[in-house]
Protein backbone atom coordinates (compact mmCIF):
# COMPACT_ATOMS: atom_id res chain seq x y z
CA MET A 1 31.74 -107.51 44.92
CA THR A 2 30.75 -111.21 43.99
CA THR A 3 27.18 -112.32 44.55
CA THR A 4 28.37 -114.61 47.47
CA ASN A 5 30.18 -111.80 49.22
CA LEU A 6 27.10 -109.57 48.73
CA LYS A 7 24.87 -112.01 50.52
CA ARG A 8 27.50 -112.91 53.19
CA TRP A 9 28.46 -109.47 54.34
CA GLY A 10 27.30 -106.76 51.76
CA ILE A 11 23.49 -106.97 52.44
CA PRO A 12 23.95 -107.56 56.28
CA ALA A 13 26.29 -104.65 56.59
CA ALA A 14 23.96 -102.41 54.47
CA ALA A 15 21.00 -103.31 56.63
CA ALA A 16 22.94 -102.60 59.88
CA LEU A 17 24.02 -99.18 58.35
CA ILE A 18 20.57 -98.30 57.41
CA ALA A 19 19.25 -99.23 60.81
CA ALA A 20 21.94 -97.29 62.65
CA ALA A 21 21.25 -94.21 60.19
CA ILE A 22 17.67 -94.21 61.05
CA SER A 23 18.31 -94.40 64.70
CA LEU A 24 20.67 -91.37 64.41
CA TYR A 25 18.26 -89.46 62.45
CA TYR A 26 15.52 -89.78 64.98
CA TYR A 27 17.55 -90.08 68.04
CA ALA A 28 16.59 -86.72 69.53
CA GLU A 29 12.80 -87.63 69.27
CA LEU A 30 12.98 -90.96 70.73
CA PRO A 31 12.01 -91.39 74.37
CA GLU A 32 14.76 -91.72 77.01
CA MET A 33 13.47 -95.33 77.84
CA MET A 34 12.63 -97.12 74.55
CA ALA A 35 10.09 -100.04 74.35
CA VAL A 36 12.01 -102.91 72.89
CA HIS A 37 9.71 -105.89 73.66
CA PHE A 38 6.07 -106.48 73.32
CA GLY A 39 3.53 -108.91 74.72
CA PRO A 40 0.73 -110.62 72.56
CA SER A 41 -1.59 -107.74 73.32
CA ASP A 42 0.84 -105.26 71.66
CA GLU A 43 1.73 -103.60 75.11
CA PRO A 44 5.49 -103.06 75.76
CA ASP A 45 6.76 -105.25 78.57
CA ARG A 46 10.43 -104.39 78.35
CA TYR A 47 12.28 -101.06 78.16
CA MET A 48 15.84 -99.95 77.38
CA ASN A 49 17.80 -96.74 77.59
CA LYS A 50 17.71 -95.25 74.17
CA ALA A 51 21.49 -95.10 74.03
CA PHE A 52 21.41 -98.76 73.83
CA GLY A 53 17.88 -99.41 72.41
CA ALA A 54 18.45 -97.30 69.40
CA PHE A 55 21.61 -99.12 68.17
CA LEU A 56 21.13 -102.61 69.77
CA MET A 57 19.56 -104.09 66.49
CA PRO A 58 22.31 -103.05 64.08
CA VAL A 59 24.90 -104.78 66.44
CA ILE A 60 22.73 -107.86 66.69
CA MET A 61 22.51 -108.02 62.79
CA LEU A 62 26.31 -108.06 62.50
CA PHE A 63 26.52 -110.50 65.25
CA VAL A 64 24.03 -112.95 63.76
CA THR A 65 25.81 -112.78 60.41
CA ALA A 66 29.16 -113.45 61.95
CA VAL A 67 27.96 -116.39 63.83
CA THR A 68 26.12 -117.84 60.82
CA ASN A 69 29.28 -117.38 58.64
CA ALA A 70 31.41 -118.91 61.24
CA SER A 71 29.23 -121.93 61.80
CA ALA A 72 29.81 -123.18 58.24
CA LYS A 73 33.70 -123.09 59.01
CA LEU A 74 33.17 -125.83 61.60
CA GLU A 75 32.30 -128.33 59.03
CA ARG A 76 35.40 -130.38 58.11
CA ASP A 77 34.17 -131.75 54.84
CA GLU A 78 34.98 -129.18 52.09
CA SER A 79 32.17 -130.02 49.86
CA LYS A 80 29.63 -129.89 52.62
CA ARG A 81 31.23 -126.69 53.94
CA ARG A 82 30.62 -125.15 50.47
CA ARG A 83 26.95 -126.31 50.47
CA PHE A 84 26.46 -125.04 54.01
CA GLU A 85 27.83 -121.67 53.11
CA GLY A 86 25.34 -121.49 50.18
CA VAL A 87 22.46 -122.20 52.37
CA ASN A 88 23.66 -119.86 55.22
CA ASP A 89 24.18 -117.02 52.70
CA THR A 90 20.42 -117.18 51.90
CA VAL A 91 19.51 -117.47 55.52
CA ASN A 92 21.66 -114.37 56.35
CA VAL A 93 19.89 -112.10 53.99
CA VAL A 94 16.27 -113.31 55.05
CA VAL A 95 17.24 -112.93 58.77
CA VAL A 96 18.89 -109.54 58.52
CA VAL A 97 15.86 -108.16 56.45
CA LEU A 98 13.65 -109.41 59.18
CA LEU A 99 15.70 -107.62 61.84
CA LEU A 100 15.76 -104.46 59.83
CA ALA A 101 11.99 -104.61 59.65
CA VAL A 102 11.72 -105.21 63.41
CA HIS A 103 14.05 -102.27 64.04
CA LEU A 104 11.91 -99.97 61.81
CA LEU A 105 8.71 -100.88 63.57
CA THR A 106 10.37 -100.58 67.04
CA VAL A 107 11.58 -97.12 66.12
CA GLY A 108 8.18 -96.28 64.71
CA PHE A 109 6.36 -97.27 67.79
CA ASN A 110 8.69 -95.41 70.05
CA LEU A 111 8.08 -92.24 67.85
CA GLY A 112 4.32 -92.60 68.52
CA TYR A 113 3.00 -94.34 65.51
CA ALA A 114 0.23 -96.81 66.06
CA ILE A 115 1.89 -100.13 64.97
CA ARG A 116 0.39 -103.64 65.62
CA ILE A 117 3.39 -105.64 66.61
CA SER A 118 1.00 -108.78 67.05
CA LEU A 119 0.20 -108.45 63.37
CA PHE A 120 3.64 -108.20 62.11
CA VAL A 121 5.21 -110.94 64.07
CA PRO A 122 3.35 -113.89 62.66
CA LEU A 123 3.62 -112.49 59.16
CA ALA A 124 7.46 -111.93 59.37
CA VAL A 125 8.07 -115.32 61.07
CA GLY A 126 5.84 -116.88 58.46
CA LEU A 127 7.80 -115.44 55.67
CA VAL A 128 11.11 -116.51 57.23
CA PHE A 129 9.88 -120.09 57.71
CA ILE A 130 8.62 -120.19 53.95
CA ALA A 131 12.14 -118.82 52.86
CA VAL A 132 14.19 -121.28 55.06
CA GLY A 133 11.94 -124.22 54.24
CA ASN A 134 12.73 -123.69 50.36
CA VAL A 135 16.47 -123.86 51.04
CA LEU A 136 16.56 -126.45 53.80
CA PRO A 137 16.65 -129.45 51.36
CA ARG A 138 19.95 -128.06 50.06
CA ALA A 139 21.74 -128.33 53.43
CA PRO A 140 23.99 -131.29 53.84
CA GLN A 141 24.07 -133.57 56.83
CA GLY A 142 26.79 -131.92 59.11
CA THR A 143 29.75 -133.78 60.82
CA LEU A 144 28.68 -132.29 64.16
CA ARG A 145 24.98 -133.23 63.75
CA ALA A 146 23.41 -134.75 66.88
CA PHE A 147 21.15 -137.35 64.94
CA ARG A 148 23.35 -139.26 62.43
CA MET A 149 21.29 -140.81 59.58
CA LYS A 150 22.14 -142.68 56.46
CA GLU A 151 22.40 -140.16 53.55
CA GLU A 152 19.38 -141.31 51.65
CA TYR A 153 17.23 -141.04 54.93
CA TYR A 154 18.76 -137.64 55.61
CA ALA A 155 17.74 -136.42 52.18
CA LYS A 156 14.21 -137.53 52.81
CA TYR A 157 14.10 -136.04 56.15
CA VAL A 158 15.32 -132.58 55.07
CA ARG A 159 12.81 -132.63 52.14
CA ILE A 160 9.82 -133.37 54.61
CA GLN A 161 11.00 -130.77 57.20
CA GLY A 162 11.34 -128.28 54.35
CA ARG A 163 7.81 -128.79 53.35
CA PHE A 164 6.55 -128.72 56.88
CA MET A 165 8.34 -125.26 57.36
CA VAL A 166 6.78 -123.95 54.17
CA VAL A 167 3.24 -125.01 55.26
CA ALA A 168 4.03 -123.72 58.87
CA GLY A 169 4.88 -120.41 57.34
CA PHE A 170 1.86 -120.23 55.24
CA LEU A 171 -0.31 -120.90 58.25
CA MET A 172 1.41 -118.24 60.17
CA VAL A 173 0.79 -115.64 57.44
CA LEU A 174 -2.92 -116.73 57.44
CA SER A 175 -2.99 -116.47 61.17
CA THR A 176 -2.78 -112.60 60.73
CA LEU A 177 -6.48 -112.82 59.67
CA LEU A 178 -7.39 -114.12 63.10
CA PRO A 179 -8.91 -111.52 65.54
CA GLY A 180 -7.03 -109.87 68.43
CA GLU A 181 -4.13 -111.93 69.95
CA ALA A 182 -5.22 -115.16 68.41
CA GLY A 183 -2.73 -114.97 65.70
CA MET A 184 0.23 -114.69 68.20
CA TYR A 185 -0.96 -117.75 70.17
CA PHE A 186 -1.56 -119.77 66.87
CA MET A 187 1.99 -118.79 65.79
CA PHE A 188 3.33 -120.27 69.01
CA PHE A 189 1.27 -123.56 68.50
CA VAL A 190 2.51 -123.95 65.01
CA ILE A 191 6.17 -123.50 66.10
CA ALA A 192 5.72 -126.03 68.92
CA ALA A 193 4.15 -128.51 66.38
CA LEU A 194 7.04 -127.84 63.98
CA LEU A 195 9.74 -128.52 66.80
CA ILE A 196 8.03 -131.81 67.68
CA SER A 197 8.16 -132.96 64.17
CA VAL A 198 11.75 -131.79 63.74
CA ILE A 199 12.86 -133.86 66.76
CA GLY A 200 10.54 -136.74 66.25
CA GLY A 201 11.44 -136.96 62.50
CA ALA A 202 15.22 -136.88 63.34
CA SER A 203 15.00 -139.62 65.94
CA TYR A 204 12.76 -141.82 63.62
CA PHE A 205 15.24 -141.52 60.54
CA ALA A 206 18.30 -141.81 62.79
CA LYS A 207 17.16 -145.30 63.93
CA ARG A 208 16.49 -146.67 60.47
């Protein structure tokens, strides 16, 4: 298997298989109604029958991988499509590893282990932002992009947004040092600020 195929399907498939195997191994010990979603205070606020909750995440892993891989096929320009696929391959690996970690924590919580979800979420999302921010400048301007820019402005825009994402990721990681639920709320604030910069920056460079 080539490195490309390993990133594109090998690692996601392996992660989904590991998640499913863990659920099968502990299936008898899991509660009939599994906690699958948590509020900022670490209290579960959504439950699901374990027949679905134990195996939902492996399905999501494969679905996200399929959608990510298919999205690059929509690009009509061959050279841009290859660049998109390279970026998507890295994003695939980062996302499925994150989803595997979420699955492990969810199973652990439902088995009775004391797990602080509010500590994990900002840390995990921050690491994803750092990883994606580093590869974002390699992504070409897609044919279907909503905000069209001149190529030199697009290159500047993705460099800036990539740096913003990395900084936002580090801030989220550091937010785990905040007490109580503060880290989760700070993460939401950072994401909101980043979304404003993404939309505002795209609008600004598209008009130049």
